[in-house]
Each structure stands twice: as structure tokens, then as C-alpha cells.
Amino acid sequence: MANVKYSKGQKPIHAIAGGESLHYTKWTLIIVGAIVLVMGIAGLPGVSTMGSEPDWHAVLKIIVGAVAMAVPFLDKHK
């Protein structure tokens, strides 16, 4: 492997993939989970008049959103 000099602020891809990006991935999963959870709650009958979807679909969104928000907190990888 060649000696590569990185300018200020640059890091090798393996350093990004294993470290700092994991922090952003966790936050992204929390945000996406929250959005899916809110969409599921809004899809429940009687909660919103914006649209309609099957009850099972709204419940599934709530479950997936809750799991997506819980996974980063339960992950042992730090």
C-alpha cells in the first residue's frame, strides 16, 4: 500500500467507516425511526384526517419506528 498523505481534515476511508460515521448512522436511525413512528400514529383511525391506510400498516409503522429508535441505544458497539 502506498504512503498517502492526508491534508488537514481528511481521513482514510477505513477510519471514517469504522468510527465517526457510526455516530451519524445512529442519529440517522433515530431520526428516521421518529419520522416513521409519527407517520404510524398519524395513520391510526381517528387520529388524522389527512389520509387513510389499513390499520395493520399503521401499527406496523409504529413497531418499526419504535424498533429503529431503540436499536442505537441497545447497540453495544461504541
PDB file of N, CA and C in Angstrom:
ATOM      1  N   MET A   1       0.832  -1.174   0.000  1.00  0.00           N
ATOM      2  CA  MET A   1       0.000   0.000   0.000  1.00  0.00           C
ATOM      3  C   MET A   1       0.881   1.243   0.000  1.00  0.00           C
ATOM      4  N   ALA A   2       0.526   2.213  -0.779  1.00  0.00           N
ATOM      5  CA  ALA A   2       1.337   3.418  -0.935  1.00  0.00           C
ATOM      6  C   ALA A   2       1.182   4.328   0.279  1.00  0.00           C
ATOM      7  N   ASN A   3       2.245   5.082   0.523  1.00  0.00           N
ATOM      8  CA  ASN A   3       2.169   6.095   1.569  1.00  0.00           C
ATOM      9  C   ASN A   3       1.364   7.266   1.049  1.00  0.00           C
ATOM     10  N   VAL A   4       0.274   7.538   1.701  1.00  0.00           N
ATOM     11  CA  VAL A   4      -0.606   8.621   1.275  1.00  0.00           C
ATOM     12  C   VAL A   4      -0.635   9.667   2.367  1.00  0.00           C
ATOM     13  N   LYS A   5      -0.443  10.905   1.974  1.00  0.00           N
ATOM     14  CA  LYS A   5      -0.524  11.994   2.944  1.00  0.00           C
ATOM     15  C   LYS A   5      -1.897  12.620   2.841  1.00  0.00           C
ATOM     16  N   TYR A   6      -2.533  12.771   3.968  1.00  0.00           N
ATOM     17  CA  TYR A   6      -3.872  13.360   4.020  1.00  0.00           C
ATOM     18  C   TYR A   6      -3.758  14.808   4.443  1.00  0.00           C
ATOM     19  N   SER A   7      -4.490  15.653   3.764  1.00  0.00           N
ATOM     20  CA  SER A   7      -4.484  17.058   4.149  1.00  0.00           C
ATOM     21  C   SER A   7      -5.327  17.234   5.410  1.00  0.00           C
ATOM     22  N   LYS A   8      -5.264  18.397   5.981  1.00  0.00           N
ATOM     23  CA  LYS A   8      -5.967  18.671   7.226  1.00  0.00           C
ATOM     24  C   LYS A   8      -7.467  18.410   7.063  1.00  0.00           C
ATOM     25  N   GLY A   9      -8.026  17.612   7.947  1.00  0.00           N
ATOM     26  CA  GLY A   9      -9.453  17.312   7.910  1.00  0.00           C
ATOM     27  C   GLY A   9      -9.787  16.040   7.147  1.00  0.00           C
ATOM     28  N   GLN A  10      -8.855  15.532   6.347  1.00  0.00           N
ATOM     29  CA  GLN A  10      -9.110  14.300   5.610  1.00  0.00           C
ATOM     30  C   GLN A  10      -8.688  13.102   6.442  1.00  0.00           C
ATOM     31  N   LYS A  11      -9.416  12.009   6.261  1.00  0.00           N
ATOM     32  CA  LYS A  11      -9.088  10.771   6.961  1.00  0.00           C
ATOM     33  C   LYS A  11      -9.231   9.617   5.990  1.00  0.00           C
ATOM     34  N   PRO A  12      -8.503   8.540   6.218  1.00  0.00           N
ATOM     35  CA  PRO A  12      -8.666   7.376   5.350  1.00  0.00           C
ATOM     36  C   PRO A  12     -10.068   6.794   5.486  1.00  0.00           C
ATOM     37  N   ILE A  13     -10.527   6.145   4.433  1.00  0.00           N
ATOM     38  CA  ILE A  13     -11.895   5.641   4.408  1.00  0.00           C
ATOM     39  C   ILE A  13     -12.156   4.637   5.531  1.00  0.00           C
ATOM     40  N   HIS A  14     -11.166   3.820   5.881  1.00  0.00           N
ATOM     41  CA  HIS A  14     -11.395   2.841   6.947  1.00  0.00           C
ATOM     42  C   HIS A  14     -11.591   3.515   8.299  1.00  0.00           C
ATOM     43  N   ALA A  15     -10.994   4.674   8.499  1.00  0.00           N
ATOM     44  CA  ALA A  15     -11.201   5.407   9.750  1.00  0.00           C
ATOM     45  C   ALA A  15     -12.600   5.997   9.802  1.00  0.00           C
ATOM     46  N   ILE A  16     -13.092   6.441   8.644  1.00  0.00           N
ATOM     47  CA  ILE A  16     -14.440   7.007   8.597  1.00  0.00           C
ATOM     48  C   ILE A  16     -15.471   5.913   8.764  1.00  0.00           C
ATOM     49  N   ALA A  17     -15.295   4.800   8.056  1.00  0.00           N
ATOM     50  CA  ALA A  17     -16.274   3.723   8.067  1.00  0.00           C
ATOM     51  C   ALA A  17     -16.398   3.064   9.440  1.00  0.00           C
ATOM     52  N   GLY A  18     -15.340   3.037  10.203  1.00  0.00           N
ATOM     53  CA  GLY A  18     -15.400   2.339  11.473  1.00  0.00           C
ATOM     54  C   GLY A  18     -15.648   3.221  12.672  1.00  0.00           C
ATOM     55  N   GLY A  19     -15.511   4.509  12.538  1.00  0.00           N
ATOM     56  CA  GLY A  19     -15.580   5.341  13.720  1.00  0.00           C
ATOM     57  C   GLY A  19     -16.626   6.422  13.695  1.00  0.00           C
ATOM     58  N   GLU A  20     -16.261   7.541  13.094  1.00  0.00           N
ATOM     59  CA  GLU A  20     -17.115   8.716  13.181  1.00  0.00           C
ATOM     60  C   GLU A  20     -18.450   8.542  12.477  1.00  0.00           C
ATOM     61  N   SER A  21     -18.471   7.833  11.350  1.00  0.00           N
ATOM     62  CA  SER A  21     -19.728   7.696  10.623  1.00  0.00           C
ATOM     63  C   SER A  21     -20.725   6.848  11.404  1.00  0.00           C
ATOM     64  N   LEU A  22     -20.237   5.986  12.286  1.00  0.00           N
ATOM     65  CA  LEU A  22     -21.139   5.174  13.101  1.00  0.00           C
ATOM     66  C   LEU A  22     -21.991   6.065  14.000  1.00  0.00           C
ATOM     67  N   HIS A  23     -21.422   7.139  14.500  1.00  0.00           N
ATOM     68  CA  HIS A  23     -22.164   8.089  15.328  1.00  0.00           C
ATOM     69  C   HIS A  23     -23.293   8.718  14.513  1.00  0.00           C
ATOM     70  N   TYR A  24     -22.992   9.116  13.285  1.00  0.00           N
ATOM     71  CA  TYR A  24     -24.011   9.718  12.430  1.00  0.00           C
ATOM     72  C   TYR A  24     -25.069   8.704  12.012  1.00  0.00           C
ATOM     73  N   THR A  25     -24.662   7.462  11.836  1.00  0.00           N
ATOM     74  CA  THR A  25     -25.609   6.411  11.473  1.00  0.00           C
ATOM     75  C   THR A  25     -26.620   6.206  12.589  1.00  0.00           C
ATOM     76  N   LYS A  26     -26.164   6.231  13.816  1.00  0.00           N
ATOM     77  CA  LYS A  26     -27.078   6.067  14.952  1.00  0.00           C
ATOM     78  C   LYS A  26     -28.088   7.209  15.000  1.00  0.00           C
ATOM     79  N   TRP A  27     -27.633   8.437  14.821  1.00  0.00           N
ATOM     80  CA  TRP A  27     -28.547   9.574  14.854  1.00  0.00           C
ATOM     81  C   TRP A  27     -29.511   9.542  13.688  1.00  0.00           C
ATOM     82  N   THR A  28     -29.029   9.108  12.529  1.00  0.00           N
ATOM     83  CA  THR A  28     -29.906   8.985  11.363  1.00  0.00           C
ATOM     84  C   THR A  28     -30.992   7.963  11.620  1.00  0.00           C
ATOM     85  N   LEU A  29     -30.627   6.840  12.227  1.00  0.00           N
ATOM     86  CA  LEU A  29     -31.607   5.807  12.537  1.00  0.00           C
ATOM     87  C   LEU A  29     -32.643   6.306  13.546  1.00  0.00           C
ATOM     88  N   ILE A  30     -32.218   7.076  14.520  1.00  0.00           N
ATOM     89  CA  ILE A  30     -33.148   7.645  15.499  1.00  0.00           C
ATOM     90  C   ILE A  30     -34.121   8.610  14.818  1.00  0.00           C
ATOM     91  N   ILE A  31     -33.605   9.473  13.947  1.00  0.00           N
ATOM     92  CA  ILE A  31     -34.465  10.455  13.272  1.00  0.00           C
ATOM     93  C   ILE A  31     -35.444   9.774  12.328  1.00  0.00           C
ATOM     94  N   VAL A  32     -34.959   8.825  11.526  1.00  0.00           N
ATOM     95  CA  VAL A  32     -35.845   8.106  10.604  1.00  0.00           C
ATOM     96  C   VAL A  32     -36.886   7.310  11.382  1.00  0.00           C
ATOM     97  N   GLY A  33     -36.472   6.689  12.481  1.00  0.00           N
ATOM     98  CA  GLY A  33     -37.412   5.951  13.326  1.00  0.00           C
ATOM     99  C   GLY A  33     -38.500   6.850  13.892  1.00  0.00           C
ATOM    100  N   ALA A  34     -38.121   8.065  14.303  1.00  0.00           N
ATOM    101  CA  ALA A  34     -39.103   9.008  14.836  1.00  0.00           C
ATOM    102  C   ALA A  34     -40.100   9.423  13.763  1.00  0.00           C
ATOM    103  N   ILE A  35     -39.605   9.638  12.543  1.00  0.00           N
ATOM    104  CA  ILE A  35     -40.498  10.022  11.445  1.00  0.00           C
ATOM    105  C   ILE A  35     -41.476   8.897  11.134  1.00  0.00           C
ATOM    106  N   VAL A  36     -40.987   7.659  11.058  1.00  0.00           N
ATOM    107  CA  VAL A  36     -41.860   6.514  10.774  1.00  0.00           C
ATOM    108  C   VAL A  36     -42.867   6.322  11.910  1.00  0.00           C
ATOM    109  N   LEU A  37     -42.425   6.523  13.146  1.00  0.00           N
ATOM    110  CA  LEU A  37     -43.325   6.400  14.296  1.00  0.00           C
ATOM    111  C   LEU A  37     -44.449   7.429  14.224  1.00  0.00           C
ATOM    112  N   VAL A  38     -44.111   8.675  13.909  1.00  0.00           N
ATOM    113  CA  VAL A  38     -45.127   9.724  13.782  1.00  0.00           C
ATOM    114  C   VAL A  38     -46.078   9.417  12.626  1.00  0.00           C
ATOM    115  N   MET A  39     -45.530   8.903  11.526  1.00  0.00           N
ATOM    116  CA  MET A  39     -46.385   8.533  10.395  1.00  0.00           C
ATOM    117  C   MET A  39     -47.356   7.420  10.785  1.00  0.00           C
ATOM    118  N   GLY A  40     -46.883   6.470  11.596  1.00  0.00           N
ATOM    119  CA  GLY A  40     -47.751   5.397  12.056  1.00  0.00           C
ATOM    120  C   GLY A  40     -48.855   5.892  12.969  1.00  0.00           C
ATOM    121  N   ILE A  41     -48.504   6.794  13.872  1.00  0.00           N
ATOM    122  CA  ILE A  41     -49.514   7.359  14.774  1.00  0.00           C
ATOM    123  C   ILE A  41     -50.534   8.168  13.982  1.00  0.00           C
ATOM    124  N   ALA A  42     -50.052   8.938  13.004  1.00  0.00           N
ATOM    125  CA  ALA A  42     -50.965   9.741  12.181  1.00  0.00           C
ATOM    126  C   ALA A  42     -51.864   8.853  11.324  1.00  0.00           C
ATOM    127  N   GLY A  43     -51.429   7.648  11.018  1.00  0.00           N
ATOM    128  CA  GLY A  43     -52.216   6.740  10.191  1.00  0.00           C
ATOM    129  C   GLY A  43     -53.271   5.958  10.935  1.00  0.00           C
ATOM    130  N   LEU A  44     -53.241   6.053  12.274  1.00  0.00           N
ATOM    131  CA  LEU A  44     -54.262   5.336  13.048  1.00  0.00           C
ATOM    132  C   LEU A  44     -55.638   5.950  12.806  1.00  0.00           C
ATOM    133  N   PRO A  45     -56.673   5.137  12.807  1.00  0.00           N
ATOM    134  CA  PRO A  45     -58.026   5.667  12.597  1.00  0.00           C
ATOM    135  C   PRO A  45     -58.411   6.652  13.707  1.00  0.00           C
ATOM    136  N   GLY A  46     -58.960   7.773  13.310  1.00  0.00           N
ATOM    137  CA  GLY A  46     -59.423   8.766  14.267  1.00  0.00           C
ATOM    138  C   GLY A  46     -58.367   9.755  14.722  1.00  0.00           C
ATOM    139  N   VAL A  47     -57.110   9.560  14.347  1.00  0.00           N
ATOM    140  CA  VAL A  47     -56.052  10.474  14.776  1.00  0.00           C
ATOM    141  C   VAL A  47     -55.880  11.615  13.789  1.00  0.00           C
ATOM    142  N   SER A  48     -55.960  11.320  12.524  1.00  0.00           N
ATOM    143  CA  SER A  48     -55.731  12.327  11.498  1.00  0.00           C
ATOM    144  C   SER A  48     -56.723  12.137  10.351  1.00  0.00           C
ATOM    145  N   THR A  49     -57.027  13.227   9.697  1.00  0.00           N
ATOM    146  CA  THR A  49     -57.922  13.153   8.540  1.00  0.00           C
ATOM    147  C   THR A  49     -57.161  13.398   7.238  1.00  0.00           C
ATOM    148  N   MET A  50     -55.820  13.365   7.295  1.00  0.00           N
ATOM    149  CA  MET A  50     -55.006  13.646   6.112  1.00  0.00           C
ATOM    150  C   MET A  50     -55.088  12.525   5.077  1.00  0.00           C
ATOM    151  N   GLY A  51     -55.295  11.333   5.499  1.00  0.00           N
ATOM    152  CA  GLY A  51     -55.331  10.213   4.571  1.00  0.00           C
ATOM    153  C   GLY A  51     -55.771   8.965   5.296  1.00  0.00           C
ATOM    154  N   SER A  52     -55.752   7.877   4.599  1.00  0.00           N
ATOM    155  CA  SER A  52     -56.143   6.634   5.237  1.00  0.00           C
ATOM    156  C   SER A  52     -55.224   5.510   4.762  1.00  0.00           C
ATOM    157  N   GLU A  53     -55.035   4.561   5.617  1.00  0.00           N
ATOM    158  CA  GLU A  53     -54.277   3.370   5.304  1.00  0.00           C
ATOM    159  C   GLU A  53     -54.816   2.244   6.184  1.00  0.00           C
ATOM    160  N   PRO A  54     -54.537   1.006   5.836  1.00  0.00           N
ATOM    161  CA  PRO A  54     -55.028  -0.096   6.660  1.00  0.00           C
ATOM    162  C   PRO A  54     -54.483  -0.003   8.091  1.00  0.00           C
ATOM    163  N   ASP A  55     -55.282  -0.451   9.030  1.00  0.00           N
ATOM    164  CA  ASP A  55     -54.864  -0.397  10.441  1.00  0.00           C
ATOM    165  C   ASP A  55     -53.561  -1.150  10.675  1.00  0.00           C
ATOM    166  N   TRP A  56     -53.423  -2.327  10.039  1.00  0.00           N
ATOM    167  CA  TRP A  56     -52.222  -3.125  10.254  1.00  0.00           C
ATOM    168  C   TRP A  56     -50.976  -2.385   9.766  1.00  0.00           C
ATOM    169  N   HIS A  57     -51.130  -1.568   8.745  1.00  0.00           N
ATOM    170  CA  HIS A  57     -49.998  -0.821   8.193  1.00  0.00           C
ATOM    171  C   HIS A  57     -49.553   0.267   9.173  1.00  0.00           C
ATOM    172  N   ALA A  58     -50.511   0.932   9.782  1.00  0.00           N
ATOM    173  CA  ALA A  58     -50.190   1.960  10.778  1.00  0.00           C
ATOM    174  C   ALA A  58     -49.515   1.334  12.001  1.00  0.00           C
ATOM    175  N   VAL A  59     -50.028   0.204  12.435  1.00  0.00           N
ATOM    176  CA  VAL A  59     -49.438  -0.484  13.597  1.00  0.00           C
ATOM    177  C   VAL A  59     -48.027  -0.960  13.269  1.00  0.00           C
ATOM    178  N   LEU A  60     -47.839  -1.476  12.054  1.00  0.00           N
ATOM    179  CA  LEU A  60     -46.515  -1.924  11.637  1.00  0.00           C
ATOM    180  C   LEU A  60     -45.527  -0.754  11.597  1.00  0.00           C
ATOM    181  N   LYS A  61     -45.966   0.413  11.144  1.00  0.00           N
ATOM    182  CA  LYS A  61     -45.107   1.598  11.132  1.00  0.00           C
ATOM    183  C   LYS A  61     -44.708   1.986  12.560  1.00  0.00           C
ATOM    184  N   ILE A  62     -45.645   1.902  13.486  1.00  0.00           N
ATOM    185  CA  ILE A  62     -45.340   2.235  14.882  1.00  0.00           C
ATOM    186  C   ILE A  62     -44.290   1.277  15.438  1.00  0.00           C
ATOM    187  N   ILE A  63     -44.447  -0.012  15.151  1.00  0.00           N
ATOM    188  CA  ILE A  63     -43.494  -1.010  15.644  1.00  0.00           C
ATOM    189  C   ILE A  63     -42.113  -0.795  15.014  1.00  0.00           C
ATOM    190  N   VAL A  64     -42.066  -0.619  13.702  1.00  0.00           N
ATOM    191  CA  VAL A  64     -40.788  -0.418  13.019  1.00  0.00           C
ATOM    192  C   VAL A  64     -40.119   0.870  13.494  1.00  0.00           C
ATOM    193  N   GLY A  65     -40.888   1.933  13.659  1.00  0.00           N
ATOM    194  CA  GLY A  65     -40.326   3.188  14.145  1.00  0.00           C
ATOM    195  C   GLY A  65     -39.770   3.071  15.550  1.00  0.00           C
ATOM    196  N   ALA A  66     -40.489   2.365  16.421  1.00  0.00           N
ATOM    197  CA  ALA A  66     -40.015   2.184  17.800  1.00  0.00           C
ATOM    198  C   ALA A  66     -38.742   1.338  17.836  1.00  0.00           C
ATOM    199  N   VAL A  67     -38.701   0.290  17.026  1.00  0.00           N
ATOM    200  CA  VAL A  67     -37.501  -0.554  16.979  1.00  0.00           C
ATOM    201  C   VAL A  67     -36.320   0.230  16.416  1.00  0.00           C
ATOM    202  N   ALA A  68     -36.564   1.007  15.368  1.00  0.00           N
ATOM    203  CA  ALA A  68     -35.491   1.812  14.771  1.00  0.00           C
ATOM    204  C   ALA A  68     -34.942   2.833  15.760  1.00  0.00           C
ATOM    205  N   MET A  69     -35.783   3.350  16.623  1.00  0.00           N
ATOM    206  CA  MET A  69     -35.312   4.309  17.627  1.00  0.00           C
ATOM    207  C   MET A  69     -34.603   3.614  18.782  1.00  0.00           C
ATOM    208  N   ALA A  70     -34.970   2.358  19.077  1.00  0.00           N
ATOM    209  CA  ALA A  70     -34.380   1.636  20.204  1.00  0.00           C
ATOM    210  C   ALA A  70     -33.028   1.013  19.867  1.00  0.00           C
ATOM    211  N   VAL A  71     -32.835   0.593  18.627  1.00  0.00           N
ATOM    212  CA  VAL A  71     -31.617  -0.118  18.245  1.00  0.00           C
ATOM    213  C   VAL A  71     -30.337   0.654  18.568  1.00  0.00           C
ATOM    214  N   PRO A  72     -30.222   1.937  18.269  1.00  0.00           N
ATOM    215  CA  PRO A  72     -28.973   2.639  18.602  1.00  0.00           C
ATOM    216  C   PRO A  72     -28.666   2.668  20.092  1.00  0.00           C
ATOM    217  N   PHE A  73     -29.677   2.659  20.932  1.00  0.00           N
ATOM    218  CA  PHE A  73     -29.451   2.678  22.371  1.00  0.00           C
ATOM    219  C   PHE A  73     -29.098   1.301  22.919  1.00  0.00           C
ATOM    220  N   LEU A  74     -29.550   0.251  22.229  1.00  0.00           N
ATOM    221  CA  LEU A  74     -29.274  -1.112  22.669  1.00  0.00           C
ATOM    222  C   LEU A  74     -27.985  -1.672  22.074  1.00  0.00           C
ATOM    223  N   ASP A  75     -27.421  -0.969  21.087  1.00  0.00           N
ATOM    224  CA  ASP A  75     -26.216  -1.436  20.414  1.00  0.00           C
ATOM    225  C   ASP A  75     -25.025  -1.338  21.374  1.00  0.00           C
ATOM    226  N   LYS A  76     -24.288  -2.431  21.486  1.00  0.00           N
ATOM    227  CA  LYS A  76     -23.125  -2.461  22.395  1.00  0.00           C
ATOM    228  C   LYS A  76     -21.880  -1.865  21.771  1.00  0.00           C
ATOM    229  N   HIS A  77     -21.876  -1.680  20.440  1.00  0.00           N
ATOM    230  CA  HIS A  77     -20.712  -1.145  19.733  1.00  0.00           C
ATOM    231  C   HIS A  77     -20.598   0.344  20.026  1.00  0.00           C
ATOM    232  N   LYS A  78     -19.518   0.762  20.635  1.00  0.00           N
ATOM    233  CA  LYS A  78     -19.334   2.177  20.989  1.00  0.00           C
ATOM    234  C   LYS A  78     -18.147   2.753  20.297  1.00  0.00           C
TER     235      LYS A  78
END
